[in-house]
């Protein structure tokens, strides 16, 4: 079982986010699941990877050649896969993962989330997607979804394509249910 984690390549000043990254890496490793992520050593993604590795977890990083220097590739992971571009990276992440967790991040995190959500909406996969709304970080996204439903750009039933949680503990419990 492998969980793809989408999160920031930068580190927030909000310690709740940093604690969540560490808790997630530890929780996944303790369940003997693996992590698939963007392959960077920095930011939230580096914290998740390092935490899982510190608890003897499997961590597979997938990084495009152009980002190896920019995102400071993490050569200490279980396996580092280099791809020619972002499209290949996202496809490989989907291929190797059984579920997707979205932690706080920026444009790249949202790009990855929306692409994997769209793939699920189109029926390309049926894997669980969880948005971890720590400290209300994704409240604006929830507001957008509700407005898009109201304006009939999104079907109300599409809300079933992903799950909202408020904590790492709740997210891991949700995954336990999905995989039991």
C-alpha atoms as a PDB file:
ATOM      1  CA  UNK A   1       0.000   0.000   0.000  1.00  0.00           C
ATOM      2  CA  UNK A   2       1.407   3.380  -0.990  1.00  0.00           C
ATOM      3  CA  UNK A   3       0.047   6.825  -0.209  1.00  0.00           C
ATOM      4  CA  UNK A   4       0.858   9.704  -2.531  1.00  0.00           C
ATOM      5  CA  UNK A   5       1.390  12.899  -0.556  1.00  0.00           C
ATOM      6  CA  UNK A   6       0.954  16.266  -2.244  1.00  0.00           C
ATOM      7  CA  UNK A   7       2.326  19.169  -0.214  1.00  0.00           C
ATOM      8  CA  UNK A   8       4.494  22.252  -0.343  1.00  0.00           C
ATOM      9  CA  UNK A   9       8.122  22.397  -1.377  1.00  0.00           C
ATOM     10  CA  UNK A  10       8.395  25.323   1.032  1.00  0.00           C
ATOM     11  CA  UNK A  11       8.136  25.364   4.806  1.00  0.00           C
ATOM     12  CA  UNK A  12       5.382  27.386   6.454  1.00  0.00           C
ATOM     13  CA  UNK A  13       5.833  29.346   9.652  1.00  0.00           C
ATOM     14  CA  UNK A  14       2.693  27.600  10.950  1.00  0.00           C
ATOM     15  CA  UNK A  15       4.017  24.912  13.284  1.00  0.00           C
ATOM     16  CA  UNK A  16       0.741  22.974  12.988  1.00  0.00           C
ATOM     17  CA  UNK A  17       1.615  22.216   9.358  1.00  0.00           C
ATOM     18  CA  UNK A  18       5.129  21.077  10.263  1.00  0.00           C
ATOM     19  CA  UNK A  19       3.813  18.841  13.031  1.00  0.00           C
ATOM     20  CA  UNK A  20       1.278  17.394  10.593  1.00  0.00           C
ATOM     21  CA  UNK A  21       4.002  16.562   8.063  1.00  0.00           C
ATOM     22  CA  UNK A  22       6.012  14.733  10.722  1.00  0.00           C
ATOM     23  CA  UNK A  23       2.925  12.957  12.074  1.00  0.00           C
ATOM     24  CA  UNK A  24       1.906  11.830   8.590  1.00  0.00           C
ATOM     25  CA  UNK A  25       5.309  10.376   7.704  1.00  0.00           C
ATOM     26  CA  UNK A  26       5.434   8.520  11.018  1.00  0.00           C
ATOM     27  CA  UNK A  27       1.820   7.287  10.775  1.00  0.00           C
ATOM     28  CA  UNK A  28       2.250   5.933   7.264  1.00  0.00           C
ATOM     29  CA  UNK A  29       5.509   4.181   8.150  1.00  0.00           C
ATOM     30  CA  UNK A  30       4.002   2.650  11.301  1.00  0.00           C
ATOM     31  CA  UNK A  31       1.239   1.119   9.182  1.00  0.00           C
ATOM     32  CA  UNK A  32       3.866  -0.409   6.868  1.00  0.00           C
ATOM     33  CA  UNK A  33       2.576   1.629   3.963  1.00  0.00           C
ATOM     34  CA  UNK A  34       4.879   3.475   1.609  1.00  0.00           C
ATOM     35  CA  UNK A  35       4.965   7.110   0.568  1.00  0.00           C
ATOM     36  CA  UNK A  36       5.076   8.397  -2.989  1.00  0.00           C
ATOM     37  CA  UNK A  37       5.867  12.094  -3.246  1.00  0.00           C
ATOM     38  CA  UNK A  38       7.614  14.763  -5.308  1.00  0.00           C
ATOM     39  CA  UNK A  39      11.159  13.725  -4.428  1.00  0.00           C
ATOM     40  CA  UNK A  40      12.369  16.937  -2.797  1.00  0.00           C
ATOM     41  CA  UNK A  41      14.441  17.224   0.361  1.00  0.00           C
ATOM     42  CA  UNK A  42      13.074  20.652   1.294  1.00  0.00           C
ATOM     43  CA  UNK A  43       9.817  22.084   2.606  1.00  0.00           C
ATOM     44  CA  UNK A  44       6.822  20.103   3.775  1.00  0.00           C
ATOM     45  CA  UNK A  45       7.641  17.316   1.331  1.00  0.00           C
ATOM     46  CA  UNK A  46      11.084  16.858   2.856  1.00  0.00           C
ATOM     47  CA  UNK A  47       9.604  16.728   6.356  1.00  0.00           C
ATOM     48  CA  UNK A  48       7.103  14.018   5.376  1.00  0.00           C
ATOM     49  CA  UNK A  49       9.845  11.954   3.718  1.00  0.00           C
ATOM     50  CA  UNK A  50      12.336  12.340   6.569  1.00  0.00           C
ATOM     51  CA  UNK A  51       9.740  11.416   9.172  1.00  0.00           C
ATOM     52  CA  UNK A  52       8.775   8.241   7.312  1.00  0.00           C
ATOM     53  CA  UNK A  53      12.436   7.326   6.800  1.00  0.00           C
ATOM     54  CA  UNK A  54      13.157   7.903  10.505  1.00  0.00           C
ATOM     55  CA  UNK A  55      10.480   5.289  11.232  1.00  0.00           C
ATOM     56  CA  UNK A  56      11.858   2.780   8.694  1.00  0.00           C
ATOM     57  CA  UNK A  57       9.227   3.582   6.077  1.00  0.00           C
ATOM     58  CA  UNK A  58       9.460   3.174   2.331  1.00  0.00           C
ATOM     59  CA  UNK A  59       9.671   6.521   0.513  1.00  0.00           C
ATOM     60  CA  UNK A  60       9.616   6.803  -3.264  1.00  0.00           C
ATOM     61  CA  UNK A  61      10.456  10.235  -4.646  1.00  0.00           C
ATOM     62  CA  UNK A  62       9.562  11.169  -8.204  1.00  0.00           C
ATOM     63  CA  UNK A  63      11.234  14.263  -9.561  1.00  0.00           C
ATOM     64  CA  UNK A  64      11.554  15.800 -13.029  1.00  0.00           C
ATOM     65  CA  UNK A  65      15.103  16.402 -14.244  1.00  0.00           C
ATOM     66  CA  UNK A  66      14.507  20.166 -14.355  1.00  0.00           C
ATOM     67  CA  UNK A  67      13.597  20.240 -10.641  1.00  0.00           C
ATOM     68  CA  UNK A  68      16.437  18.087  -9.273  1.00  0.00           C
ATOM     69  CA  UNK A  69      18.417  21.162  -8.279  1.00  0.00           C
ATOM     70  CA  UNK A  70      15.524  23.557  -7.622  1.00  0.00           C
ATOM     71  CA  UNK A  71      13.660  21.220  -5.238  1.00  0.00           C
ATOM     72  CA  UNK A  72      16.924  19.746  -3.955  1.00  0.00           C
ATOM     73  CA  UNK A  73      16.408  16.074  -4.801  1.00  0.00           C
ATOM     74  CA  UNK A  74      16.318  13.802  -1.750  1.00  0.00           C
ATOM     75  CA  UNK A  75      18.960  11.154  -2.371  1.00  0.00           C
ATOM     76  CA  UNK A  76      18.294   9.498   0.992  1.00  0.00           C
ATOM     77  CA  UNK A  77      14.894   8.070   0.005  1.00  0.00           C
ATOM     78  CA  UNK A  78      14.247   4.389  -0.633  1.00  0.00           C
ATOM     79  CA  UNK A  79      13.997   5.048  -4.358  1.00  0.00           C
ATOM     80  CA  UNK A  80      14.340   8.229  -6.409  1.00  0.00           C
ATOM     81  CA  UNK A  81      12.783   8.142  -9.869  1.00  0.00           C
ATOM     82  CA  UNK A  82      13.721  10.842 -12.358  1.00  0.00           C
ATOM     83  CA  UNK A  83      11.198  11.792 -15.034  1.00  0.00           C
ATOM     84  CA  UNK A  84      11.653  13.954 -18.130  1.00  0.00           C
ATOM     85  CA  UNK A  85       8.831  16.356 -17.216  1.00  0.00           C
ATOM     86  CA  UNK A  86       5.960  17.193 -14.851  1.00  0.00           C
ATOM     87  CA  UNK A  87       3.407  15.238 -16.868  1.00  0.00           C
ATOM     88  CA  UNK A  88       5.452  12.050 -16.528  1.00  0.00           C
ATOM     89  CA  UNK A  89       5.999  12.765 -12.834  1.00  0.00           C
ATOM     90  CA  UNK A  90       2.271  13.030 -12.111  1.00  0.00           C
ATOM     91  CA  UNK A  91       1.463   9.920 -14.161  1.00  0.00           C
ATOM     92  CA  UNK A  92       4.145   7.910 -12.321  1.00  0.00           C
ATOM     93  CA  UNK A  93       2.896   9.142  -8.938  1.00  0.00           C
ATOM     94  CA  UNK A  94      -0.626   7.971  -9.819  1.00  0.00           C
ATOM     95  CA  UNK A  95       0.624   4.629 -11.111  1.00  0.00           C
ATOM     96  CA  UNK A  96       2.549   3.815  -7.918  1.00  0.00           C
ATOM     97  CA  UNK A  97      -0.100   5.024  -5.442  1.00  0.00           C
ATOM     98  CA  UNK A  98      -3.200   3.504  -3.853  1.00  0.00           C
ATOM     99  CA  UNK A  99      -4.505   6.777  -2.360  1.00  0.00           C
ATOM    100  CA  UNK A 100      -3.739  10.509  -2.336  1.00  0.00           C
ATOM    101  CA  UNK A 101      -3.399  12.897   0.598  1.00  0.00           C
ATOM    102  CA  UNK A 102      -3.275  16.661   0.128  1.00  0.00           C
ATOM    103  CA  UNK A 103      -1.490  18.725   2.793  1.00  0.00           C
ATOM    104  CA  UNK A 104      -0.982  22.504   2.748  1.00  0.00           C
ATOM    105  CA  UNK A 105       1.065  23.784  -0.151  1.00  0.00           C
ATOM    106  CA  UNK A 106       1.010  26.229  -3.031  1.00  0.00           C
ATOM    107  CA  UNK A 107       0.218  26.209  -6.739  1.00  0.00           C
ATOM    108  CA  UNK A 108       2.033  22.926  -7.392  1.00  0.00           C
ATOM    109  CA  UNK A 109       0.112  21.150  -4.650  1.00  0.00           C
ATOM    110  CA  UNK A 110      -3.194  22.404  -6.032  1.00  0.00           C
ATOM    111  CA  UNK A 111      -2.137  21.486  -9.578  1.00  0.00           C
ATOM    112  CA  UNK A 112      -1.437  17.910  -8.494  1.00  0.00           C
ATOM    113  CA  UNK A 113      -4.682  17.721  -6.503  1.00  0.00           C
ATOM    114  CA  UNK A 114      -6.861  19.055  -9.318  1.00  0.00           C
ATOM    115  CA  UNK A 115      -5.283  16.763 -11.891  1.00  0.00           C
ATOM    116  CA  UNK A 116      -5.734  13.607  -9.794  1.00  0.00           C
ATOM    117  CA  UNK A 117      -9.286  14.726  -8.914  1.00  0.00           C
ATOM    118  CA  UNK A 118     -10.101  15.295 -12.576  1.00  0.00           C
ATOM    119  CA  UNK A 119      -8.702  11.866 -13.461  1.00  0.00           C
ATOM    120  CA  UNK A 120     -11.005  10.339 -10.855  1.00  0.00           C
ATOM    121  CA  UNK A 121     -13.976  12.360 -12.119  1.00  0.00           C
ATOM    122  CA  UNK A 122     -13.273  11.037 -15.634  1.00  0.00           C
ATOM    123  CA  UNK A 123     -13.040   7.456 -14.339  1.00  0.00           C
ATOM    124  CA  UNK A 124      -9.302   6.992 -14.942  1.00  0.00           C
ATOM    125  CA  UNK A 125      -8.935   5.740 -11.350  1.00  0.00           C
ATOM    126  CA  UNK A 126     -11.080   5.058  -8.279  1.00  0.00           C
ATOM    127  CA  UNK A 127      -8.449   5.684  -5.606  1.00  0.00           C
ATOM    128  CA  UNK A 128      -9.283   7.676  -2.451  1.00  0.00           C
ATOM    129  CA  UNK A 129      -8.352  11.365  -2.342  1.00  0.00           C
ATOM    130  CA  UNK A 130      -8.198  13.140   1.020  1.00  0.00           C
ATOM    131  CA  UNK A 131      -7.748  16.862   1.616  1.00  0.00           C
ATOM    132  CA  UNK A 132      -6.322  17.481   5.078  1.00  0.00           C
ATOM    133  CA  UNK A 133      -7.735  20.863   6.092  1.00  0.00           C
ATOM    134  CA  UNK A 134      -5.328  21.586   8.933  1.00  0.00           C
ATOM    135  CA  UNK A 135      -6.042  24.867  10.725  1.00  0.00           C
ATOM    136  CA  UNK A 136      -8.617  25.756   8.058  1.00  0.00           C
ATOM    137  CA  UNK A 137      -5.955  25.993   5.339  1.00  0.00           C
ATOM    138  CA  UNK A 138      -8.306  24.774   2.601  1.00  0.00           C
ATOM    139  CA  UNK A 139     -11.414  26.676   3.747  1.00  0.00           C
ATOM    140  CA  UNK A 140     -11.169  28.880   0.638  1.00  0.00           C
ATOM    141  CA  UNK A 141     -11.108  25.795  -1.567  1.00  0.00           C
ATOM    142  CA  UNK A 142     -14.224  24.457   0.164  1.00  0.00           C
ATOM    143  CA  UNK A 143     -15.897  27.814  -0.429  1.00  0.00           C
ATOM    144  CA  UNK A 144     -14.936  27.627  -4.126  1.00  0.00           C
ATOM    145  CA  UNK A 145     -16.368  24.104  -4.464  1.00  0.00           C
ATOM    146  CA  UNK A 146     -19.669  25.177  -2.892  1.00  0.00           C
ATOM    147  CA  UNK A 147     -19.891  28.222  -5.181  1.00  0.00           C
ATOM    148  CA  UNK A 148     -19.061  26.143  -8.275  1.00  0.00           C
ATOM    149  CA  UNK A 149     -21.833  23.692  -7.311  1.00  0.00           C
ATOM    150  CA  UNK A 150     -24.263  26.568  -6.785  1.00  0.00           C
ATOM    151  CA  UNK A 151     -23.395  27.977 -10.218  1.00  0.00           C
ATOM    152  CA  UNK A 152     -23.720  24.472 -11.755  1.00  0.00           C
ATOM    153  CA  UNK A 153     -20.081  24.171 -12.841  1.00  0.00           C
ATOM    154  CA  UNK A 154     -19.600  21.145 -10.599  1.00  0.00           C
ATOM    155  CA  UNK A 155     -22.193  18.451  -9.934  1.00  0.00           C
ATOM    156  CA  UNK A 156     -23.061  18.091  -6.261  1.00  0.00           C
ATOM    157  CA  UNK A 157     -22.320  14.352  -6.542  1.00  0.00           C
ATOM    158  CA  UNK A 158     -18.686  15.170  -7.439  1.00  0.00           C
ATOM    159  CA  UNK A 159     -18.087  16.037  -3.792  1.00  0.00           C
ATOM    160  CA  UNK A 160     -18.027  12.259  -3.239  1.00  0.00           C
ATOM    161  CA  UNK A 161     -14.833  12.021  -5.304  1.00  0.00           C
ATOM    162  CA  UNK A 162     -12.763  13.252  -2.355  1.00  0.00           C
ATOM    163  CA  UNK A 163     -12.918  13.457   1.427  1.00  0.00           C
ATOM    164  CA  UNK A 164     -12.267  16.392   3.745  1.00  0.00           C
ATOM    165  CA  UNK A 165     -10.501  15.729   7.043  1.00  0.00           C
ATOM    166  CA  UNK A 166      -9.285  18.100   9.746  1.00  0.00           C
ATOM    167  CA  UNK A 167      -6.228  16.218  11.028  1.00  0.00           C
ATOM    168  CA  UNK A 168      -3.621  13.622  10.199  1.00  0.00           C
ATOM    169  CA  UNK A 169      -5.176  11.224  12.708  1.00  0.00           C
ATOM    170  CA  UNK A 170      -8.577  11.504  11.023  1.00  0.00           C
ATOM    171  CA  UNK A 171      -6.936  11.051   7.592  1.00  0.00           C
ATOM    172  CA  UNK A 172      -5.089   7.904   8.634  1.00  0.00           C
ATOM    173  CA  UNK A 173      -8.275   6.503  10.188  1.00  0.00           C
ATOM    174  CA  UNK A 174     -10.079   7.193   6.905  1.00  0.00           C
ATOM    175  CA  UNK A 175      -7.361   5.318   5.007  1.00  0.00           C
ATOM    176  CA  UNK A 176      -7.534   2.442   7.501  1.00  0.00           C
ATOM    177  CA  UNK A 177     -11.251   2.161   6.613  1.00  0.00           C
ATOM    178  CA  UNK A 178     -10.548   2.352   2.884  1.00  0.00           C
ATOM    179  CA  UNK A 179      -7.971  -0.436   3.014  1.00  0.00           C
ATOM    180  CA  UNK A 180      -9.619  -2.782   5.539  1.00  0.00           C
END
